[in-house]
Amino acid sequence: MISLMSVEVERKFVFSADTLKKLDEIGAVCVGQQQFQDQYFDTPQFNLTLRDMWLRKRKGCWELKCSMAELSRAKETGGEQFKAAALCTRYKEITNLPEIQLRVQEVIKDRDTETSPLLQDESWLSTMNLVCFADFTTVRRSFTLEEEGVQIDLDQADFGYQVGEVEVVVPQGGDMQSALERIDRTAQKLGLTGDKRVEGKMHVYLKRNHPEHYAKLLSERIL
């Protein structure tokens, strides 16, 4: 899990059986396989996700992913550098539960909520009117490419969708441009093509299971 104020920069890609061969050819090392369950929470009015904020419980730990919108909405014109950046997402990931609760409380503007919800149980979810809108399990194979300092994940979700990710974690105040360049070089080594972002697991899950929620996020250009 990344540290409190780090930023997760990643580019998703479609992978196939040939991807494993390509990973071996470029010197990527498999660091293991794991299976985990993701549960995502929001209000019935989608207060969090309509702000591109994703409250997730994974392996018993809470995470809040907050979009860095000023960086994510890269220009579509202006050279290859901007095009490469536009294929990536950037999210700050908060893992400290009291801070997560505070951020969520600020968004939903529930002034009746206690300022310090109990941390020992999940009663704060109902207090803030948060419900689970997505629940799925993923099998992930992870690789590292040491020369670029990137991690490459191959995910297979239990609802029949698979997607790859090239990821760099940037500490607060770190070099975001360097991370984008390393991801782009890795993508070139993997032979990735295309000028549009590849759909992530949540994108596909909502489209298949919650079309109304999906349509709202699409109309707000969140997805």
C-alpha atoms as a PDB file:
ATOM      1  CA  MET A   1       0.000   0.000   0.000  1.00  0.00           C
ATOM      2  CA  ILE A   2       1.340   3.412  -0.897  1.00  0.00           C
ATOM      3  CA  SER A   3       2.027   6.068   1.715  1.00  0.00           C
ATOM      4  CA  LEU A   4      -0.485   8.671   2.821  1.00  0.00           C
ATOM      5  CA  MET A   5       0.432  11.504   0.466  1.00  0.00           C
ATOM      6  CA  SER A   6       1.731   9.609  -2.534  1.00  0.00           C
ATOM      7  CA  VAL A   7       0.247   9.843  -6.012  1.00  0.00           C
ATOM      8  CA  GLU A   8      -0.506   6.759  -8.081  1.00  0.00           C
ATOM      9  CA  VAL A   9       0.177   7.350 -11.777  1.00  0.00           C
ATOM     10  CA  GLU A  10      -0.891   4.593 -14.132  1.00  0.00           C
ATOM     11  CA  ARG A  11      -1.711   3.675 -17.695  1.00  0.00           C
ATOM     12  CA  LYS A  12      -4.110   0.829 -18.389  1.00  0.00           C
ATOM     13  CA  PHE A  13      -3.728  -1.496 -21.361  1.00  0.00           C
ATOM     14  CA  VAL A  14      -5.302  -4.539 -22.965  1.00  0.00           C
ATOM     15  CA  PHE A  15      -3.202  -7.653 -22.472  1.00  0.00           C
ATOM     16  CA  SER A  16      -3.134 -11.104 -24.049  1.00  0.00           C
ATOM     17  CA  ALA A  17      -1.158 -14.338 -23.811  1.00  0.00           C
ATOM     18  CA  ASP A  18       1.622 -12.626 -25.775  1.00  0.00           C
ATOM     19  CA  THR A  19       2.018 -10.040 -22.996  1.00  0.00           C
ATOM     20  CA  LEU A  20       3.753 -12.560 -20.721  1.00  0.00           C
ATOM     21  CA  LYS A  21       6.309 -13.296 -23.424  1.00  0.00           C
ATOM     22  CA  LYS A  22       6.883  -9.584 -23.985  1.00  0.00           C
ATOM     23  CA  LEU A  23       7.344  -8.982 -20.249  1.00  0.00           C
ATOM     24  CA  ASP A  24      10.004 -11.666 -20.168  1.00  0.00           C
ATOM     25  CA  GLU A  25      11.738 -10.201 -23.228  1.00  0.00           C
ATOM     26  CA  ILE A  26      12.031  -6.716 -21.722  1.00  0.00           C
ATOM     27  CA  GLY A  27      13.377  -8.047 -18.422  1.00  0.00           C
ATOM     28  CA  ALA A  28      10.326  -7.673 -16.192  1.00  0.00           C
ATOM     29  CA  VAL A  29      10.402  -9.885 -13.101  1.00  0.00           C
ATOM     30  CA  CYS A  30       7.285 -11.526 -11.667  1.00  0.00           C
ATOM     31  CA  VAL A  31       6.961 -10.623  -7.985  1.00  0.00           C
ATOM     32  CA  GLY A  32       3.902 -12.729  -7.223  1.00  0.00           C
ATOM     33  CA  GLN A  33       0.201 -13.332  -7.615  1.00  0.00           C
ATOM     34  CA  GLN A  34      -2.577 -12.380  -5.245  1.00  0.00           C
ATOM     35  CA  GLN A  35      -6.354 -12.425  -5.039  1.00  0.00           C
ATOM     36  CA  PHE A  36      -8.329  -9.658  -3.354  1.00  0.00           C
ATOM     37  CA  GLN A  37     -11.873  -8.422  -2.947  1.00  0.00           C
ATOM     38  CA  ASP A  38     -12.780  -4.795  -3.620  1.00  0.00           C
ATOM     39  CA  GLN A  39     -15.860  -3.108  -2.181  1.00  0.00           C
ATOM     40  CA  TYR A  40     -16.679   0.462  -3.231  1.00  0.00           C
ATOM     41  CA  PHE A  41     -18.963   2.812  -1.301  1.00  0.00           C
ATOM     42  CA  ASP A  42     -20.871   5.993  -2.101  1.00  0.00           C
ATOM     43  CA  THR A  43     -24.087   7.775  -1.175  1.00  0.00           C
ATOM     44  CA  PRO A  44     -27.246   6.993  -3.153  1.00  0.00           C
ATOM     45  CA  GLN A  45     -26.763  10.398  -4.818  1.00  0.00           C
ATOM     46  CA  PHE A  46     -23.204   9.466  -5.907  1.00  0.00           C
ATOM     47  CA  ASN A  47     -21.693  12.403  -3.995  1.00  0.00           C
ATOM     48  CA  LEU A  48     -18.201  10.894  -3.964  1.00  0.00           C
ATOM     49  CA  THR A  49     -17.859   9.359  -7.407  1.00  0.00           C
ATOM     50  CA  LEU A  50     -19.326  12.425  -9.119  1.00  0.00           C
ATOM     51  CA  ARG A  51     -16.273  14.227  -7.686  1.00  0.00           C
ATOM     52  CA  ASP A  52     -13.988  11.440  -8.944  1.00  0.00           C
ATOM     53  CA  MET A  53     -13.424  10.203  -5.379  1.00  0.00           C
ATOM     54  CA  TRP A  54     -13.440   6.434  -4.840  1.00  0.00           C
ATOM     55  CA  LEU A  55     -13.904   4.979  -1.359  1.00  0.00           C
ATOM     56  CA  ARG A  56     -12.672   1.407  -1.336  1.00  0.00           C
ATOM     57  CA  LYS A  57     -12.197  -1.420   1.134  1.00  0.00           C
ATOM     58  CA  ARG A  58      -9.534  -3.923   0.065  1.00  0.00           C
ATOM     59  CA  LYS A  59      -8.152  -6.732   2.208  1.00  0.00           C
ATOM     60  CA  GLY A  60      -9.653  -5.161   5.330  1.00  0.00           C
ATOM     61  CA  CYS A  61      -8.076  -1.739   4.715  1.00  0.00           C
ATOM     62  CA  TRP A  62      -9.806   1.490   3.717  1.00  0.00           C
ATOM     63  CA  GLU A  63      -8.539   3.683   0.871  1.00  0.00           C
ATOM     64  CA  LEU A  64      -9.841   6.900  -0.650  1.00  0.00           C
ATOM     65  CA  LYS A  65      -8.613   7.648  -4.159  1.00  0.00           C
ATOM     66  CA  CYS A  66      -8.914  11.333  -5.082  1.00  0.00           C
ATOM     67  CA  SER A  67      -8.372  12.464  -8.654  1.00  0.00           C
ATOM     68  CA  MET A  68      -5.763  15.117  -9.317  1.00  0.00           C
ATOM     69  CA  ALA A  69      -7.989  16.713 -11.929  1.00  0.00           C
ATOM     70  CA  GLU A  70      -5.621  19.502 -12.868  1.00  0.00           C
ATOM     71  CA  LEU A  71      -3.113  16.876 -13.945  1.00  0.00           C
ATOM     72  CA  SER A  72      -5.473  14.208 -15.224  1.00  0.00           C
ATOM     73  CA  ARG A  73      -7.172  16.306 -17.864  1.00  0.00           C
ATOM     74  CA  ALA A  74      -4.116  16.645 -20.053  1.00  0.00           C
ATOM     75  CA  LYS A  75      -4.360  18.436 -23.347  1.00  0.00           C
ATOM     76  CA  GLU A  76      -5.207  16.270 -26.318  1.00  0.00           C
ATOM     77  CA  THR A  77      -3.028  18.351 -28.578  1.00  0.00           C
ATOM     78  CA  GLY A  78       0.421  19.774 -28.225  1.00  0.00           C
ATOM     79  CA  GLY A  79       2.781  16.971 -29.085  1.00  0.00           C
ATOM     80  CA  GLU A  80       3.580  13.436 -28.123  1.00  0.00           C
ATOM     81  CA  GLN A  81       4.294  14.378 -24.506  1.00  0.00           C
ATOM     82  CA  PHE A  82       0.724  15.562 -23.955  1.00  0.00           C
ATOM     83  CA  LYS A  83      -0.687  12.563 -25.810  1.00  0.00           C
ATOM     84  CA  ALA A  84       1.237  10.160 -23.586  1.00  0.00           C
ATOM     85  CA  ALA A  85       0.114  12.017 -20.465  1.00  0.00           C
ATOM     86  CA  ALA A  86      -3.522  11.910 -21.585  1.00  0.00           C
ATOM     87  CA  LEU A  87      -3.402   8.099 -21.523  1.00  0.00           C
ATOM     88  CA  CYS A  88      -2.556   8.094 -17.813  1.00  0.00           C
ATOM     89  CA  THR A  89      -4.570   8.688 -14.662  1.00  0.00           C
ATOM     90  CA  ARG A  90      -3.291  10.280 -11.453  1.00  0.00           C
ATOM     91  CA  TYR A  91      -4.892   9.684  -8.073  1.00  0.00           C
ATOM     92  CA  LYS A  92      -3.812  10.615  -4.595  1.00  0.00           C
ATOM     93  CA  GLU A  93      -4.515   7.623  -2.363  1.00  0.00           C
ATOM     94  CA  ILE A  94      -5.358   8.300   1.285  1.00  0.00           C
ATOM     95  CA  THR A  95      -5.089   5.317   3.629  1.00  0.00           C
ATOM     96  CA  ASN A  96      -5.485   6.930   7.052  1.00  0.00           C
ATOM     97  CA  LEU A  97      -9.037   6.176   8.215  1.00  0.00           C
ATOM     98  CA  PRO A  98      -9.641   9.353  10.273  1.00  0.00           C
ATOM     99  CA  GLU A  99      -8.547  11.483   7.315  1.00  0.00           C
ATOM    100  CA  ILE A 100     -10.714   9.420   4.963  1.00  0.00           C
ATOM    101  CA  GLN A 101     -13.728   9.980   7.213  1.00  0.00           C
ATOM    102  CA  LEU A 102     -13.002  13.706   7.371  1.00  0.00           C
ATOM    103  CA  ARG A 103     -12.677  14.010   3.581  1.00  0.00           C
ATOM    104  CA  VAL A 104     -15.915  12.089   3.031  1.00  0.00           C
ATOM    105  CA  GLN A 105     -17.723  14.161   5.638  1.00  0.00           C
ATOM    106  CA  GLU A 106     -16.608  17.367   3.916  1.00  0.00           C
ATOM    107  CA  VAL A 107     -17.987  16.148   0.601  1.00  0.00           C
ATOM    108  CA  ILE A 108     -21.378  14.981   1.779  1.00  0.00           C
ATOM    109  CA  LYS A 109     -21.735  18.024   4.073  1.00  0.00           C
ATOM    110  CA  ASP A 110     -23.461  16.047   6.791  1.00  0.00           C
ATOM    111  CA  ARG A 111     -23.116  18.437   9.706  1.00  0.00           C
ATOM    112  CA  ASP A 112     -24.871  16.045  12.089  1.00  0.00           C
ATOM    113  CA  THR A 113     -22.108  13.472  11.713  1.00  0.00           C
ATOM    114  CA  GLU A 114     -19.758  13.189  14.647  1.00  0.00           C
ATOM    115  CA  THR A 115     -16.353  14.720  14.002  1.00  0.00           C
ATOM    116  CA  SER A 116     -14.607  11.565  15.249  1.00  0.00           C
ATOM    117  CA  PRO A 117     -16.583   8.486  14.144  1.00  0.00           C
ATOM    118  CA  LEU A 118     -15.821   5.172  15.822  1.00  0.00           C
ATOM    119  CA  LEU A 119     -12.902   3.440  14.165  1.00  0.00           C
ATOM    120  CA  GLN A 120     -13.525  -0.011  15.622  1.00  0.00           C
ATOM    121  CA  ASP A 121     -16.610  -0.793  13.558  1.00  0.00           C
ATOM    122  CA  GLU A 122     -18.236   0.341  10.342  1.00  0.00           C
ATOM    123  CA  SER A 123     -21.132   2.281  11.849  1.00  0.00           C
ATOM    124  CA  TRP A 124     -19.700   5.420  10.259  1.00  0.00           C
ATOM    125  CA  LEU A 125     -20.828   4.113   6.877  1.00  0.00           C
ATOM    126  CA  SER A 126     -24.503   4.198   7.793  1.00  0.00           C
ATOM    127  CA  THR A 127     -24.027   7.463   9.688  1.00  0.00           C
ATOM    128  CA  MET A 128     -22.758   9.056   6.478  1.00  0.00           C
ATOM    129  CA  ASN A 129     -25.363   7.240   4.364  1.00  0.00           C
ATOM    130  CA  LEU A 130     -22.740   5.260   2.470  1.00  0.00           C
ATOM    131  CA  VAL A 131     -23.721   2.045   0.696  1.00  0.00           C
ATOM    132  CA  CYS A 132     -21.748  -0.528  -1.258  1.00  0.00           C
ATOM    133  CA  PHE A 133     -22.314  -0.125  -4.996  1.00  0.00           C
ATOM    134  CA  ALA A 134     -19.616  -2.463  -6.318  1.00  0.00           C
ATOM    135  CA  ASP A 135     -18.198  -5.726  -5.008  1.00  0.00           C
ATOM    136  CA  PHE A 136     -15.855  -7.919  -7.036  1.00  0.00           C
ATOM    137  CA  THR A 137     -12.763 -10.087  -6.736  1.00  0.00           C
ATOM    138  CA  THR A 138      -9.561  -9.741  -8.761  1.00  0.00           C
ATOM    139  CA  VAL A 139      -6.672 -12.103  -9.405  1.00  0.00           C
ATOM    140  CA  ARG A 140      -3.533 -10.005  -9.973  1.00  0.00           C
ATOM    141  CA  ARG A 141      -0.107 -10.990 -11.303  1.00  0.00           C
ATOM    142  CA  SER A 142       2.522  -8.338 -10.616  1.00  0.00           C
ATOM    143  CA  PHE A 143       5.828  -7.624 -12.341  1.00  0.00           C
ATOM    144  CA  THR A 144       8.564  -5.063 -11.829  1.00  0.00           C
ATOM    145  CA  LEU A 145      10.780  -3.468 -14.446  1.00  0.00           C
ATOM    146  CA  GLU A 146      13.671  -2.304 -12.330  1.00  0.00           C
ATOM    147  CA  GLU A 147      15.417  -0.174 -14.938  1.00  0.00           C
ATOM    148  CA  GLU A 148      12.324   2.044 -15.233  1.00  0.00           C
ATOM    149  CA  GLY A 149      11.149   1.746 -11.634  1.00  0.00           C
ATOM    150  CA  VAL A 150       7.649   0.712 -12.671  1.00  0.00           C
ATOM    151  CA  GLN A 151       5.224  -2.002 -11.624  1.00  0.00           C
ATOM    152  CA  ILE A 152       3.126  -3.850 -14.170  1.00  0.00           C
ATOM    153  CA  ASP A 153      -0.062  -5.583 -13.016  1.00  0.00           C
ATOM    154  CA  LEU A 154      -2.197  -8.028 -15.001  1.00  0.00           C
ATOM    155  CA  ASP A 155      -5.701  -8.162 -13.495  1.00  0.00           C
ATOM    156  CA  GLN A 156      -8.464 -10.688 -14.091  1.00  0.00           C
ATOM    157  CA  ALA A 157     -11.775  -9.663 -12.478  1.00  0.00           C
ATOM    158  CA  ASP A 158     -14.442 -12.183 -11.558  1.00  0.00           C
ATOM    159  CA  PHE A 159     -17.034 -10.471 -13.778  1.00  0.00           C
ATOM    160  CA  GLY A 160     -15.166 -11.474 -16.916  1.00  0.00           C
ATOM    161  CA  TYR A 161     -12.889  -8.508 -17.633  1.00  0.00           C
ATOM    162  CA  GLN A 162      -9.113  -8.364 -17.731  1.00  0.00           C
ATOM    163  CA  VAL A 163      -6.869  -5.314 -17.923  1.00  0.00           C
ATOM    164  CA  GLY A 164      -3.195  -4.461 -17.441  1.00  0.00           C
ATOM    165  CA  GLU A 165      -1.693  -1.481 -15.623  1.00  0.00           C
ATOM    166  CA  VAL A 166       1.713   0.186 -15.807  1.00  0.00           C
ATOM    167  CA  GLU A 167       2.134   2.070 -12.542  1.00  0.00           C
ATOM    168  CA  VAL A 168       4.546   4.440 -10.819  1.00  0.00           C
ATOM    169  CA  VAL A 169       4.037   5.747  -7.272  1.00  0.00           C
ATOM    170  CA  VAL A 170       5.227   9.342  -6.882  1.00  0.00           C
ATOM    171  CA  PRO A 171       5.879  10.679  -3.363  1.00  0.00           C
ATOM    172  CA  GLN A 172       4.465  14.065  -2.442  1.00  0.00           C
ATOM    173  CA  GLY A 173       6.461  16.730  -4.239  1.00  0.00           C
ATOM    174  CA  GLY A 174       8.040  14.127  -6.505  1.00  0.00           C
ATOM    175  CA  ASP A 175       8.748  14.394 -10.228  1.00  0.00           C
ATOM    176  CA  MET A 176       5.435  13.732 -11.978  1.00  0.00           C
ATOM    177  CA  GLN A 177       6.887  14.305 -15.451  1.00  0.00           C
ATOM    178  CA  SER A 178       9.568  11.694 -14.850  1.00  0.00           C
ATOM    179  CA  ALA A 179       6.878   9.183 -13.854  1.00  0.00           C
ATOM    180  CA  LEU A 180       4.933   9.872 -17.046  1.00  0.00           C
ATOM    181  CA  GLU A 181       8.062   9.431 -19.152  1.00  0.00           C
ATOM    182  CA  ARG A 182       8.936   6.121 -17.465  1.00  0.00           C
ATOM    183  CA  ILE A 183       5.427   4.827 -18.041  1.00  0.00           C
ATOM    184  CA  ASP A 184       5.555   5.912 -21.678  1.00  0.00           C
ATOM    185  CA  ARG A 185       8.929   4.205 -22.246  1.00  0.00           C
ATOM    186  CA  THR A 186       7.594   1.015 -20.657  1.00  0.00           C
ATOM    187  CA  ALA A 187       4.482   1.179 -22.845  1.00  0.00           C
ATOM    188  CA  GLN A 188       6.686   1.452 -25.928  1.00  0.00           C
ATOM    189  CA  LYS A 189       8.754  -1.541 -24.807  1.00  0.00           C
ATOM    190  CA  LEU A 190       5.544  -3.529 -24.397  1.00  0.00           C
ATOM    191  CA  GLY A 191       4.426  -2.471 -27.859  1.00  0.00           C
ATOM    192  CA  LEU A 192       1.292  -0.734 -26.589  1.00  0.00           C
ATOM    193  CA  THR A 193      -0.592   1.294 -29.184  1.00  0.00           C
ATOM    194  CA  GLY A 194      -3.730   3.414 -29.297  1.00  0.00           C
ATOM    195  CA  ASP A 195      -4.500   7.020 -28.460  1.00  0.00           C
ATOM    196  CA  LYS A 196      -7.447   6.480 -26.099  1.00  0.00           C
ATOM    197  CA  ARG A 197      -7.523   5.394 -22.477  1.00  0.00           C
ATOM    198  CA  VAL A 198      -8.354   1.750 -21.891  1.00  0.00           C
ATOM    199  CA  GLU A 199     -11.371   1.111 -19.681  1.00  0.00           C
ATOM    200  CA  GLY A 200     -10.596   0.140 -16.104  1.00  0.00           C
ATOM    201  CA  LYS A 201     -12.348  -2.530 -14.057  1.00  0.00           C
ATOM    202  CA  MET A 202     -14.737  -0.076 -12.391  1.00  0.00           C
ATOM    203  CA  HIS A 203     -15.617   1.496 -15.734  1.00  0.00           C
ATOM    204  CA  VAL A 204     -16.718  -1.862 -17.121  1.00  0.00           C
ATOM    205  CA  TYR A 205     -18.349  -3.040 -13.881  1.00  0.00           C
ATOM    206  CA  LEU A 206     -20.617   0.018 -13.707  1.00  0.00           C
ATOM    207  CA  LYS A 207     -21.502  -0.127 -17.389  1.00  0.00           C
ATOM    208  CA  ARG A 208     -22.618  -3.735 -16.998  1.00  0.00           C
ATOM    209  CA  ASN A 209     -24.242  -3.603 -13.558  1.00  0.00           C
ATOM    210  CA  HIS A 210     -25.288  -0.008 -12.813  1.00  0.00           C
ATOM    211  CA  PRO A 211     -26.008   1.778 -16.114  1.00  0.00           C
ATOM    212  CA  GLU A 212     -27.665   4.777 -14.431  1.00  0.00           C
ATOM    213  CA  HIS A 213     -24.630   5.433 -12.237  1.00  0.00           C
ATOM    214  CA  TYR A 214     -22.371   4.867 -15.234  1.00  0.00           C
ATOM    215  CA  ALA A 215     -24.357   7.347 -17.357  1.00  0.00           C
ATOM    216  CA  LYS A 216     -24.102  10.066 -14.702  1.00  0.00           C
ATOM    217  CA  LEU A 217     -20.337   9.654 -14.403  1.00  0.00           C
ATOM    218  CA  LEU A 218     -20.004   9.643 -18.178  1.00  0.00           C
ATOM    219  CA  SER A 219     -22.016  12.847 -18.515  1.00  0.00           C
ATOM    220  CA  GLU A 220     -19.749  14.541 -15.961  1.00  0.00           C
ATOM    221  CA  ARG A 221     -16.666  13.276 -17.813  1.00  0.00           C
ATOM    222  CA  ILE A 222     -15.497  11.300 -14.785  1.00  0.00           C
ATOM    223  CA  LEU A 223     -15.218   8.149 -16.882  1.00  0.00           C
END
